[in-house]
Amino acid sequence: MASTRHRQLPLARVARIGIFSALAFGINAPFLAIPNIELFSLALFLAGLFIGPVEGTMVGLVAGAIFVLFNPNGPQTIIFVGLAQLFGFALFGLSGGLLRNLFVGKKANLKSAILLILIGAFLTLWYDLSTNLIFAILFGPFWPTLIAGIGFALLHIASNAVIFGMSSLVIDKIWKRIEYYMPPLAG
């Protein structure tokens, strides 16, 4: 009988993904009643920033799946919009991981705040554009449906830009605590 070796995630990596997924979903709970103002996107981005691009992407997928399927406001019943949401959530985690060298272990300054504002705005623009486009294509009429979502998208982009920019003040502090209390995580 031929033996095959499958690459498995070590238990510590699975635990990190689970912890950051729970944190992302939990930190978003107080904001569920407020349309398009949320900390979920930032939590996914910070997961990638703190635990790396692969794990950050996984956090985006796991926490995103929980959000899409078990949202207290109701599950996403439109499969293609749900898939676009999952892709967007994964992109937040991946981006944090890919950009970690720009922020982790660095002091907060105006440059990092501006960069985080731009990152938050761009990622949110991508997320809103992809989900709104799919919704407009499926349920049209295309332009009126797309235009109807602009106000919500602008609020979402602006709020995430502010939230991401403000996060520049705490990223280094959080990282120092992670390094001190959980050195393997900082690894």
Protein backbone atom coordinates (compact mmCIF):
# COMPACT_ATOMS: atom_id res chain seq x y z
CA MET A 1 0.00 0.00 0.00
CA ALA A 2 1.49 3.31 -1.03
CA SER A 3 1.81 5.87 1.68
CA THR A 4 1.00 9.46 0.98
CA ARG A 5 2.09 12.34 3.09
CA HIS A 6 -0.36 15.14 3.54
CA ARG A 7 0.79 18.48 4.79
CA GLN A 8 -1.16 19.19 7.93
CA LEU A 9 -1.50 22.41 9.84
CA PRO A 10 0.22 22.11 13.19
CA LEU A 11 -2.12 22.45 16.13
CA ALA A 12 -0.65 25.83 17.09
CA ARG A 13 -1.47 27.27 13.66
CA VAL A 14 -5.02 25.92 13.83
CA ALA A 15 -5.39 27.43 17.30
CA ARG A 16 -4.14 30.84 16.10
CA ILE A 17 -6.58 30.77 13.19
CA GLY A 18 -9.42 29.83 15.56
CA ILE A 19 -8.53 32.48 18.13
CA PHE A 20 -8.25 35.29 15.60
CA SER A 21 -11.43 34.13 13.83
CA ALA A 22 -13.36 34.23 17.09
CA LEU A 23 -11.85 37.62 17.90
CA ALA A 24 -12.86 39.01 14.49
CA PHE A 25 -16.42 37.77 14.81
CA GLY A 26 -16.72 38.83 18.45
CA ILE A 27 -15.30 42.31 17.98
CA ASN A 28 -17.86 42.94 15.25
CA ALA A 29 -20.90 41.94 17.32
CA PRO A 30 -21.54 45.36 18.94
CA PHE A 31 -21.66 47.00 15.50
CA LEU A 32 -24.13 44.65 13.79
CA ALA A 33 -27.03 47.09 14.20
CA ILE A 34 -25.08 49.92 12.53
CA PRO A 35 -24.96 49.54 8.73
CA ASN A 36 -21.45 49.52 7.26
CA ILE A 37 -19.57 50.65 10.36
CA GLU A 38 -17.61 47.68 11.62
CA LEU A 39 -14.33 46.44 13.07
CA PHE A 40 -14.47 43.06 11.31
CA SER A 41 -12.34 44.17 8.35
CA LEU A 42 -9.68 45.63 10.65
CA ALA A 43 -9.64 42.47 12.77
CA LEU A 44 -9.05 40.36 9.65
CA PHE A 45 -6.29 42.70 8.46
CA LEU A 46 -4.63 42.64 11.90
CA ALA A 47 -4.84 38.84 11.97
CA GLY A 48 -2.75 38.74 8.81
CA LEU A 49 -0.45 41.42 10.19
CA PHE A 50 0.19 39.52 13.42
CA ILE A 51 0.17 35.87 12.30
CA GLY A 52 1.13 36.03 8.63
CA PRO A 53 -0.45 35.93 5.18
CA VAL A 54 -1.51 32.26 5.05
CA GLU A 55 -3.05 32.26 8.51
CA GLY A 56 -4.54 35.71 7.90
CA THR A 57 -6.21 34.43 4.75
CA MET A 58 -7.52 31.43 6.66
CA VAL A 59 -8.88 33.72 9.39
CA GLY A 60 -10.66 35.71 6.69
CA LEU A 61 -12.21 32.53 5.30
CA VAL A 62 -13.17 31.00 8.67
CA ALA A 63 -14.48 34.18 10.31
CA GLY A 64 -16.05 35.19 7.00
CA ALA A 65 -17.87 31.87 6.68
CA ILE A 66 -19.22 32.28 10.21
CA PHE A 67 -20.28 35.85 9.39
CA VAL A 68 -21.91 34.90 6.08
CA LEU A 69 -23.72 31.82 7.40
CA PHE A 70 -24.51 32.72 11.03
CA ASN A 71 -24.92 36.48 10.99
CA PRO A 72 -27.44 37.52 13.67
CA ASN A 73 -29.04 39.79 11.05
CA GLY A 74 -29.63 36.71 8.90
CA PRO A 75 -27.46 34.50 6.72
CA GLN A 76 -26.39 35.52 3.24
CA THR A 77 -28.73 33.50 1.04
CA ILE A 78 -27.32 34.69 -2.29
CA ILE A 79 -24.45 32.27 -2.92
CA PHE A 80 -22.48 34.46 -5.34
CA VAL A 81 -22.65 37.50 -3.06
CA GLY A 82 -21.58 35.27 -0.16
CA LEU A 83 -18.62 34.00 -2.19
CA ALA A 84 -17.64 37.59 -3.05
CA GLN A 85 -17.82 38.44 0.64
CA LEU A 86 -15.59 35.48 1.51
CA PHE A 87 -13.07 36.50 -1.14
CA GLY A 88 -13.07 40.05 0.23
CA PHE A 89 -12.63 38.85 3.80
CA ALA A 90 -9.73 36.60 2.77
CA LEU A 91 -8.17 39.56 0.95
CA PHE A 92 -8.21 41.64 4.16
CA GLY A 93 -6.31 38.88 6.01
CA LEU A 94 -3.89 38.23 3.15
CA SER A 95 -3.15 41.94 2.74
CA GLY A 96 -2.34 42.31 6.42
CA GLY A 97 0.10 39.42 6.17
CA LEU A 98 1.76 40.72 3.03
CA LEU A 99 2.15 44.21 4.50
CA ARG A 100 3.27 43.17 7.97
CA ASN A 101 6.86 44.36 7.49
CA LEU A 102 5.59 47.90 7.01
CA PHE A 103 3.88 48.04 10.41
CA VAL A 104 4.92 45.29 12.84
CA GLY A 105 7.59 46.44 15.26
CA LYS A 106 7.46 50.00 13.97
CA LYS A 107 6.48 53.11 15.92
CA ALA A 108 3.28 54.85 14.91
CA ASN A 109 3.78 57.95 12.80
CA LEU A 110 1.87 60.06 10.32
CA LYS A 111 3.21 58.04 7.37
CA SER A 112 1.94 54.73 8.79
CA ALA A 113 -1.43 56.29 9.65
CA ILE A 114 -1.84 57.65 6.11
CA LEU A 115 -0.78 54.33 4.62
CA LEU A 116 -3.30 52.46 6.78
CA ILE A 117 -6.03 54.94 5.81
CA LEU A 118 -5.30 54.26 2.13
CA ILE A 119 -5.13 50.49 2.66
CA GLY A 120 -8.41 50.46 4.58
CA ALA A 121 -10.13 52.59 1.95
CA PHE A 122 -8.79 50.54 -0.98
CA LEU A 123 -9.62 47.13 0.50
CA THR A 124 -13.10 48.30 1.47
CA LEU A 125 -13.65 49.81 -1.98
CA TRP A 126 -12.69 46.47 -3.53
CA TYR A 127 -14.99 44.58 -1.14
CA ASP A 128 -17.98 46.88 -1.71
CA LEU A 129 -17.47 47.10 -5.45
CA SER A 130 -17.26 43.32 -5.88
CA THR A 131 -20.28 42.54 -3.70
CA ASN A 132 -22.39 45.39 -5.11
CA LEU A 133 -21.52 44.48 -8.71
CA ILE A 134 -22.56 40.88 -8.20
CA PHE A 135 -25.78 41.95 -6.50
CA ALA A 136 -26.57 44.39 -9.34
CA ILE A 137 -25.83 41.76 -12.00
CA LEU A 138 -28.05 39.18 -10.32
CA PHE A 139 -30.97 41.39 -9.34
CA GLY A 140 -30.75 44.51 -11.55
CA PRO A 141 -31.68 46.67 -13.17
CA PHE A 142 -27.93 47.04 -13.13
CA TRP A 143 -27.31 50.80 -12.88
CA PRO A 144 -30.14 51.73 -10.51
CA THR A 145 -29.21 48.83 -8.23
CA LEU A 146 -25.52 49.74 -8.28
CA ILE A 147 -26.26 53.44 -7.71
CA ALA A 148 -28.55 52.58 -4.78
CA GLY A 149 -25.58 51.03 -2.99
CA ILE A 150 -23.23 54.01 -3.39
CA GLY A 151 -24.25 55.76 -0.16
CA PHE A 152 -23.70 52.63 1.92
CA ALA A 153 -20.40 51.95 0.16
CA LEU A 154 -19.14 55.49 0.76
CA LEU A 155 -20.04 55.24 4.45
CA HIS A 156 -18.27 51.87 4.65
CA ILE A 157 -15.15 53.14 2.87
CA ALA A 158 -14.95 56.32 4.96
CA SER A 159 -15.51 54.54 8.28
CA ASN A 160 -12.95 51.83 7.50
CA ALA A 161 -10.42 54.46 6.39
CA VAL A 162 -10.80 56.22 9.76
CA ILE A 163 -10.75 52.95 11.73
CA PHE A 164 -7.66 51.66 9.89
CA GLY A 165 -5.89 54.99 10.35
CA MET A 166 -6.62 55.02 14.08
CA SER A 167 -5.28 51.47 14.37
CA SER A 168 -1.80 52.83 13.64
CA LEU A 169 -1.77 54.09 17.23
CA VAL A 170 -2.12 50.61 18.74
CA ILE A 171 -0.48 48.15 16.33
CA ASP A 172 2.98 48.45 17.89
CA LYS A 173 1.58 48.20 21.43
CA ILE A 174 -0.39 45.08 20.59
CA TRP A 175 2.63 43.53 18.86
CA LYS A 176 4.85 44.15 21.91
CA ARG A 177 2.33 42.37 24.11
CA ILE A 178 2.12 39.48 21.67
CA GLU A 179 5.92 39.20 21.64
CA TYR A 180 6.07 39.28 25.44
CA TYR A 181 3.16 37.02 26.35
CA MET A 182 3.09 34.69 23.36
CA PRO A 183 6.57 34.51 21.80
CA PRO A 184 5.71 31.50 19.61
CA LEU A 185 2.91 33.55 18.06
CA ALA A 186 5.30 36.37 17.27
CA GLY A 187 7.63 33.73 15.85
